[in-house]
């Protein structure tokens, strides 16, 4: 099944609004990636009976970036802009 995506006509207010929104979403993804980079991959959640640290994976930052990438990859305006900028790698894991 083919889906036809109705895109705004260049130069119209709807077109400019779409672009502003997409650039904001790209900035948000970049911020999420920067935030994820600062997060520890593992963290101690307590201690076991022997006094050893109980370590757990900190997957939340990676999952949030993954989810945001999946959502943005479905937006044709996002892929168009990142493709024109040569930054498609933002949408890749």
C-alpha atoms as a PDB file:
ATOM      1  CA  UNK A   1       0.000   0.000   0.000  1.00  0.00           C
ATOM      2  CA  UNK A   2       1.333   3.413  -0.922  1.00  0.00           C
ATOM      3  CA  UNK A   3       0.897   6.344   1.409  1.00  0.00           C
ATOM      4  CA  UNK A   4       0.862   9.806  -0.097  1.00  0.00           C
ATOM      5  CA  UNK A   5       2.103  12.414   2.328  1.00  0.00           C
ATOM      6  CA  UNK A   6       0.628  15.854   1.819  1.00  0.00           C
ATOM      7  CA  UNK A   7       3.466  18.314   2.340  1.00  0.00           C
ATOM      8  CA  UNK A   8       3.121  22.079   2.629  1.00  0.00           C
ATOM      9  CA  UNK A   9       3.815  24.219  -0.418  1.00  0.00           C
ATOM     10  CA  UNK A  10       7.269  25.897  -0.165  1.00  0.00           C
ATOM     11  CA  UNK A  11       7.083  29.535   0.859  1.00  0.00           C
ATOM     12  CA  UNK A  12       3.740  29.288   2.629  1.00  0.00           C
ATOM     13  CA  UNK A  13       3.207  29.853   6.331  1.00  0.00           C
ATOM     14  CA  UNK A  14       2.438  26.137   6.774  1.00  0.00           C
ATOM     15  CA  UNK A  15       5.756  25.247   5.122  1.00  0.00           C
ATOM     16  CA  UNK A  16       7.730  27.592   7.372  1.00  0.00           C
ATOM     17  CA  UNK A  17       5.868  26.362  10.461  1.00  0.00           C
ATOM     18  CA  UNK A  18       6.673  22.753   9.481  1.00  0.00           C
ATOM     19  CA  UNK A  19      10.349  23.618   9.056  1.00  0.00           C
ATOM     20  CA  UNK A  20      10.545  25.426  12.392  1.00  0.00           C
ATOM     21  CA  UNK A  21       8.939  22.472  14.134  1.00  0.00           C
ATOM     22  CA  UNK A  22      11.284  19.974  12.474  1.00  0.00           C
ATOM     23  CA  UNK A  23      14.393  21.996  13.322  1.00  0.00           C
ATOM     24  CA  UNK A  24      13.200  22.142  16.949  1.00  0.00           C
ATOM     25  CA  UNK A  25      12.723  18.347  16.948  1.00  0.00           C
ATOM     26  CA  UNK A  26      16.229  17.851  15.511  1.00  0.00           C
ATOM     27  CA  UNK A  27      17.669  20.124  18.235  1.00  0.00           C
ATOM     28  CA  UNK A  28      15.772  18.109  20.834  1.00  0.00           C
ATOM     29  CA  UNK A  29      17.272  14.871  19.469  1.00  0.00           C
ATOM     30  CA  UNK A  30      20.750  16.416  19.607  1.00  0.00           C
ATOM     31  CA  UNK A  31      20.126  17.427  23.219  1.00  0.00           C
ATOM     32  CA  UNK A  32      18.931  13.908  24.073  1.00  0.00           C
ATOM     33  CA  UNK A  33      22.076  12.430  22.512  1.00  0.00           C
ATOM     34  CA  UNK A  34      24.276  14.832  24.494  1.00  0.00           C
ATOM     35  CA  UNK A  35      22.354  13.987  27.691  1.00  0.00           C
ATOM     36  CA  UNK A  36      22.720  10.252  27.003  1.00  0.00           C
ATOM     37  CA  UNK A  37      26.456  10.645  26.494  1.00  0.00           C
ATOM     38  CA  UNK A  38      26.798  12.133  29.991  1.00  0.00           C
ATOM     39  CA  UNK A  39      24.890   9.274  31.649  1.00  0.00           C
ATOM     40  CA  UNK A  40      26.614   6.235  33.166  1.00  0.00           C
ATOM     41  CA  UNK A  41      25.946   2.973  31.382  1.00  0.00           C
ATOM     42  CA  UNK A  42      25.760   1.123  34.702  1.00  0.00           C
ATOM     43  CA  UNK A  43      24.779   2.173  38.195  1.00  0.00           C
ATOM     44  CA  UNK A  44      24.698   0.592  41.621  1.00  0.00           C
ATOM     45  CA  UNK A  45      21.203  -0.019  42.928  1.00  0.00           C
ATOM     46  CA  UNK A  46      22.212  -1.385  46.302  1.00  0.00           C
ATOM     47  CA  UNK A  47      24.259  -4.142  47.874  1.00  0.00           C
ATOM     48  CA  UNK A  48      23.748  -7.880  47.976  1.00  0.00           C
ATOM     49  CA  UNK A  49      24.002 -10.124  51.059  1.00  0.00           C
ATOM     50  CA  UNK A  50      27.806 -10.343  50.709  1.00  0.00           C
ATOM     51  CA  UNK A  51      28.219  -6.572  50.681  1.00  0.00           C
ATOM     52  CA  UNK A  52      29.027  -6.481  46.968  1.00  0.00           C
ATOM     53  CA  UNK A  53      27.435  -3.712  44.900  1.00  0.00           C
ATOM     54  CA  UNK A  54      24.372  -4.773  42.961  1.00  0.00           C
ATOM     55  CA  UNK A  55      24.924  -3.229  39.523  1.00  0.00           C
ATOM     56  CA  UNK A  56      22.134  -2.633  37.030  1.00  0.00           C
ATOM     57  CA  UNK A  57      22.144  -1.401  33.428  1.00  0.00           C
ATOM     58  CA  UNK A  58      21.077   2.194  32.961  1.00  0.00           C
ATOM     59  CA  UNK A  59      19.121   1.691  29.719  1.00  0.00           C
ATOM     60  CA  UNK A  60      16.721   4.615  30.013  1.00  0.00           C
ATOM     61  CA  UNK A  61      18.910   7.223  28.227  1.00  0.00           C
ATOM     62  CA  UNK A  62      19.651   4.848  25.348  1.00  0.00           C
ATOM     63  CA  UNK A  63      16.005   3.838  25.041  1.00  0.00           C
ATOM     64  CA  UNK A  64      14.855   7.470  24.948  1.00  0.00           C
ATOM     65  CA  UNK A  65      17.288   8.297  22.126  1.00  0.00           C
ATOM     66  CA  UNK A  66      16.289   5.169  20.238  1.00  0.00           C
ATOM     67  CA  UNK A  67      12.587   6.011  20.523  1.00  0.00           C
ATOM     68  CA  UNK A  68      13.152   9.619  19.433  1.00  0.00           C
ATOM     69  CA  UNK A  69      15.179   8.448  16.423  1.00  0.00           C
ATOM     70  CA  UNK A  70      12.444   6.051  15.360  1.00  0.00           C
ATOM     71  CA  UNK A  71       9.793   8.765  15.523  1.00  0.00           C
ATOM     72  CA  UNK A  72      11.888  11.301  13.616  1.00  0.00           C
ATOM     73  CA  UNK A  73      12.926   8.799  10.951  1.00  0.00           C
ATOM     74  CA  UNK A  74       9.278   8.505   9.885  1.00  0.00           C
ATOM     75  CA  UNK A  75       9.015  12.247   9.202  1.00  0.00           C
ATOM     76  CA  UNK A  76       9.914  12.991   5.550  1.00  0.00           C
ATOM     77  CA  UNK A  77      10.837  16.599   6.353  1.00  0.00           C
ATOM     78  CA  UNK A  78      13.350  15.430   8.969  1.00  0.00           C
ATOM     79  CA  UNK A  79      14.972  12.987   6.562  1.00  0.00           C
ATOM     80  CA  UNK A  80      15.031  15.649   3.828  1.00  0.00           C
ATOM     81  CA  UNK A  81      16.728  18.223   6.057  1.00  0.00           C
ATOM     82  CA  UNK A  82      19.253  15.831   7.584  1.00  0.00           C
ATOM     83  CA  UNK A  83      19.994  14.411   4.130  1.00  0.00           C
ATOM     84  CA  UNK A  84      20.626  17.900   2.739  1.00  0.00           C
ATOM     85  CA  UNK A  85      22.928  18.635   5.673  1.00  0.00           C
ATOM     86  CA  UNK A  86      24.722  15.288   5.360  1.00  0.00           C
ATOM     87  CA  UNK A  87      23.731  14.382   8.925  1.00  0.00           C
ATOM     88  CA  UNK A  88      21.650  11.228   8.394  1.00  0.00           C
ATOM     89  CA  UNK A  89      23.840   9.601  11.040  1.00  0.00           C
ATOM     90  CA  UNK A  90      21.720  11.374  13.684  1.00  0.00           C
ATOM     91  CA  UNK A  91      18.950   8.911  12.858  1.00  0.00           C
ATOM     92  CA  UNK A  92      21.201   5.840  13.008  1.00  0.00           C
ATOM     93  CA  UNK A  93      21.991   3.878  16.132  1.00  0.00           C
END
